[in-house]
Amino acid sequence: MTYLQRLIANALIFISLSVLFPNHIYVESLVMAIVASFVLSILNTLVKPVLTLLSLPLNILTFGLFSFVISAGMLQLTSNLLGNYRFGFSSFTVSILVAIVMAIINAIVSEHNIDKYADR
């Protein structure tokens, strides 16, 4: 999956979840969803590896489930950087659920792309 495809997929996930759960997830517009996806990718590149390394013992103890908490933290940080009135979540629990949904959808899309290119 290319970087642009991942950006668009995450933006569509944000828009879809904000339509399905309007009381819990707020996205101002499609442009804001794309900006949020871009900011999230930058944070995942720069900040997430440091947090993953620092929380390695806890991540091992929980068999990797703490990585969803780290991803939810990245979503909350994205929300704080962009402003909660443009892109936000009602609680940290909602952020964890969005992180889980994003991981599942990205895994499905990535697996589909691997199968598509493996047939060549």
C-alpha atoms as a PDB file:
ATOM      1  CA  MET A   1       0.000   0.000   0.000  1.00  0.00           C
ATOM      2  CA  THR A   2       1.513   3.307  -1.012  1.00  0.00           C
ATOM      3  CA  TYR A   3       1.704   6.332   1.228  1.00  0.00           C
ATOM      4  CA  LEU A   4      -1.002   8.193  -0.704  1.00  0.00           C
ATOM      5  CA  GLN A   5      -3.324   5.187  -0.579  1.00  0.00           C
ATOM      6  CA  ARG A   6      -2.846   4.943   3.185  1.00  0.00           C
ATOM      7  CA  LEU A   7      -3.561   8.677   3.597  1.00  0.00           C
ATOM      8  CA  ILE A   8      -6.762   8.408   1.602  1.00  0.00           C
ATOM      9  CA  ALA A   9      -7.826   5.220   3.395  1.00  0.00           C
ATOM     10  CA  ASN A  10      -7.315   6.818   6.820  1.00  0.00           C
ATOM     11  CA  ALA A  11      -9.179   9.951   5.733  1.00  0.00           C
ATOM     12  CA  LEU A  12     -12.085   7.810   4.529  1.00  0.00           C
ATOM     13  CA  ILE A  13     -12.043   5.899   7.819  1.00  0.00           C
ATOM     14  CA  PHE A  14     -12.255   9.191   9.728  1.00  0.00           C
ATOM     15  CA  ILE A  15     -15.152  10.421   7.582  1.00  0.00           C
ATOM     16  CA  SER A  16     -16.991   7.092   7.749  1.00  0.00           C
ATOM     17  CA  LEU A  17     -16.704   6.793  11.512  1.00  0.00           C
ATOM     18  CA  SER A  18     -17.796  10.398  12.010  1.00  0.00           C
ATOM     19  CA  VAL A  19     -20.916   9.670   9.957  1.00  0.00           C
ATOM     20  CA  LEU A  20     -21.624   6.413  11.806  1.00  0.00           C
ATOM     21  CA  PHE A  21     -20.946   7.845  15.281  1.00  0.00           C
ATOM     22  CA  PRO A  22     -21.626  11.603  15.107  1.00  0.00           C
ATOM     23  CA  ASN A  23     -21.826  12.003  18.889  1.00  0.00           C
ATOM     24  CA  HIS A  24     -18.390  10.480  19.458  1.00  0.00           C
ATOM     25  CA  ILE A  25     -16.215  11.476  16.489  1.00  0.00           C
ATOM     26  CA  TYR A  26     -16.164  14.893  14.857  1.00  0.00           C
ATOM     27  CA  VAL A  27     -14.526  15.737  11.537  1.00  0.00           C
ATOM     28  CA  GLU A  28     -15.175  19.201  10.137  1.00  0.00           C
ATOM     29  CA  SER A  29     -14.752  18.351   6.439  1.00  0.00           C
ATOM     30  CA  LEU A  30     -13.100  16.025   3.966  1.00  0.00           C
ATOM     31  CA  VAL A  31     -10.115  18.361   3.764  1.00  0.00           C
ATOM     32  CA  MET A  32      -9.741  18.252   7.548  1.00  0.00           C
ATOM     33  CA  ALA A  33      -9.862  14.440   7.420  1.00  0.00           C
ATOM     34  CA  ILE A  34      -7.022  14.445   4.878  1.00  0.00           C
ATOM     35  CA  VAL A  35      -5.035  16.928   6.990  1.00  0.00           C
ATOM     36  CA  ALA A  36      -5.664  14.797  10.087  1.00  0.00           C
ATOM     37  CA  SER A  37      -4.498  11.714   8.213  1.00  0.00           C
ATOM     38  CA  PHE A  38      -1.328  13.554   7.137  1.00  0.00           C
ATOM     39  CA  VAL A  39      -0.607  14.825  10.668  1.00  0.00           C
ATOM     40  CA  LEU A  40      -1.245  11.333  12.047  1.00  0.00           C
ATOM     41  CA  SER A  41       1.246   9.852   9.577  1.00  0.00           C
ATOM     42  CA  ILE A  42       3.894  12.376  10.640  1.00  0.00           C
ATOM     43  CA  LEU A  43       3.264  11.642  14.317  1.00  0.00           C
ATOM     44  CA  ASN A  44       3.369   7.899  13.635  1.00  0.00           C
ATOM     45  CA  THR A  45       6.729   8.367  11.935  1.00  0.00           C
ATOM     46  CA  LEU A  46       8.350  10.633  14.528  1.00  0.00           C
ATOM     47  CA  VAL A  47       6.724  10.069  17.931  1.00  0.00           C
ATOM     48  CA  LYS A  48       5.220   6.574  17.889  1.00  0.00           C
ATOM     49  CA  PRO A  49       8.540   4.655  17.652  1.00  0.00           C
ATOM     50  CA  VAL A  50       9.844   6.476  20.733  1.00  0.00           C
ATOM     51  CA  LEU A  51       6.667   5.734  22.700  1.00  0.00           C
ATOM     52  CA  THR A  52       6.719   2.114  21.550  1.00  0.00           C
ATOM     53  CA  LEU A  53      10.300   1.721  22.702  1.00  0.00           C
ATOM     54  CA  LEU A  54       9.602   3.348  26.070  1.00  0.00           C
ATOM     55  CA  SER A  55       6.542   1.179  26.649  1.00  0.00           C
ATOM     56  CA  LEU A  56       8.143  -2.056  25.469  1.00  0.00           C
ATOM     57  CA  PRO A  57       7.915  -3.841  28.845  1.00  0.00           C
ATOM     58  CA  LEU A  58       4.222  -2.982  29.149  1.00  0.00           C
ATOM     59  CA  ASN A  59       3.654  -3.961  25.535  1.00  0.00           C
ATOM     60  CA  ILE A  60       5.298  -7.354  26.127  1.00  0.00           C
ATOM     61  CA  LEU A  61       3.299  -7.835  29.315  1.00  0.00           C
ATOM     62  CA  THR A  62       0.010  -7.236  27.490  1.00  0.00           C
ATOM     63  CA  PHE A  63       1.039  -9.311  24.439  1.00  0.00           C
ATOM     64  CA  GLY A  64       1.037  -6.239  22.192  1.00  0.00           C
ATOM     65  CA  LEU A  65      -2.375  -4.904  23.124  1.00  0.00           C
ATOM     66  CA  PHE A  66      -0.838  -1.770  24.630  1.00  0.00           C
ATOM     67  CA  SER A  67       0.044  -0.720  21.082  1.00  0.00           C
ATOM     68  CA  PHE A  68      -3.637   0.169  20.613  1.00  0.00           C
ATOM     69  CA  VAL A  69      -3.332   2.555  23.553  1.00  0.00           C
ATOM     70  CA  ILE A  70      -0.282   4.137  21.924  1.00  0.00           C
ATOM     71  CA  SER A  71      -2.183   4.472  18.636  1.00  0.00           C
ATOM     72  CA  ALA A  72      -5.094   6.048  20.494  1.00  0.00           C
ATOM     73  CA  GLY A  73      -2.642   8.469  22.061  1.00  0.00           C
ATOM     74  CA  MET A  74      -1.419   9.399  18.588  1.00  0.00           C
ATOM     75  CA  LEU A  75      -5.041  10.022  17.547  1.00  0.00           C
ATOM     76  CA  GLN A  76      -5.598  12.224  20.620  1.00  0.00           C
ATOM     77  CA  LEU A  77      -2.384  14.116  19.894  1.00  0.00           C
ATOM     78  CA  THR A  78      -3.535  14.658  16.319  1.00  0.00           C
ATOM     79  CA  SER A  79      -6.839  15.953  17.642  1.00  0.00           C
ATOM     80  CA  ASN A  80      -5.095  18.336  20.021  1.00  0.00           C
ATOM     81  CA  LEU A  81      -2.767  19.652  17.318  1.00  0.00           C
ATOM     82  CA  LEU A  82      -5.599  20.307  14.858  1.00  0.00           C
ATOM     83  CA  GLY A  83      -8.070  21.548  17.436  1.00  0.00           C
ATOM     84  CA  ASN A  84     -10.935  19.604  18.926  1.00  0.00           C
ATOM     85  CA  TYR A  85     -13.455  21.815  17.135  1.00  0.00           C
ATOM     86  CA  ARG A  86     -12.110  20.614  13.750  1.00  0.00           C
ATOM     87  CA  PHE A  87     -11.211  16.990  14.463  1.00  0.00           C
ATOM     88  CA  GLY A  88     -11.890  15.293  17.762  1.00  0.00           C
ATOM     89  CA  PHE A  89     -13.084  12.390  19.838  1.00  0.00           C
ATOM     90  CA  SER A  90     -15.489  12.397  22.766  1.00  0.00           C
ATOM     91  CA  SER A  91     -13.235  10.272  24.999  1.00  0.00           C
ATOM     92  CA  PHE A  92     -10.043   8.262  25.108  1.00  0.00           C
ATOM     93  CA  THR A  93     -12.071   5.052  24.908  1.00  0.00           C
ATOM     94  CA  VAL A  94     -13.472   6.177  21.568  1.00  0.00           C
ATOM     95  CA  SER A  95      -9.904   6.853  20.416  1.00  0.00           C
ATOM     96  CA  ILE A  96      -8.930   3.291  21.343  1.00  0.00           C
ATOM     97  CA  LEU A  97     -11.896   1.923  19.378  1.00  0.00           C
ATOM     98  CA  VAL A  98     -10.980   4.075  16.362  1.00  0.00           C
ATOM     99  CA  ALA A  99      -7.380   2.821  16.592  1.00  0.00           C
ATOM    100  CA  ILE A 100      -8.627  -0.777  16.576  1.00  0.00           C
ATOM    101  CA  VAL A 101     -10.933  -0.149  13.597  1.00  0.00           C
ATOM    102  CA  MET A 102      -8.126   1.611  11.704  1.00  0.00           C
ATOM    103  CA  ALA A 103      -5.732  -1.275  12.357  1.00  0.00           C
ATOM    104  CA  ILE A 104      -8.263  -3.840  11.114  1.00  0.00           C
ATOM    105  CA  ILE A 105      -9.178  -1.883   7.974  1.00  0.00           C
ATOM    106  CA  ASN A 106      -5.549  -1.080   7.142  1.00  0.00           C
ATOM    107  CA  ALA A 107      -4.641  -4.759   7.572  1.00  0.00           C
ATOM    108  CA  ILE A 108      -7.448  -5.824   5.239  1.00  0.00           C
ATOM    109  CA  VAL A 109      -6.515  -3.249   2.601  1.00  0.00           C
ATOM    110  CA  SER A 110      -2.812  -4.076   2.865  1.00  0.00           C
ATOM    111  CA  GLU A 111      -3.500  -7.805   2.541  1.00  0.00           C
ATOM    112  CA  HIS A 112      -5.649  -7.137  -0.515  1.00  0.00           C
ATOM    113  CA  ASN A 113      -2.839  -5.120  -2.114  1.00  0.00           C
ATOM    114  CA  ILE A 114      -0.270  -7.830  -1.348  1.00  0.00           C
ATOM    115  CA  ASP A 115      -2.463 -10.439  -3.024  1.00  0.00           C
ATOM    116  CA  LYS A 116      -2.979  -8.181  -6.027  1.00  0.00           C
ATOM    117  CA  TYR A 117       0.748  -7.719  -6.634  1.00  0.00           C
ATOM    118  CA  ALA A 118       1.717 -11.312  -5.784  1.00  0.00           C
ATOM    119  CA  ASP A 119      -0.148 -12.669  -8.817  1.00  0.00           C
ATOM    120  CA  ARG A 120       2.257 -10.996 -11.248  1.00  0.00           C
END
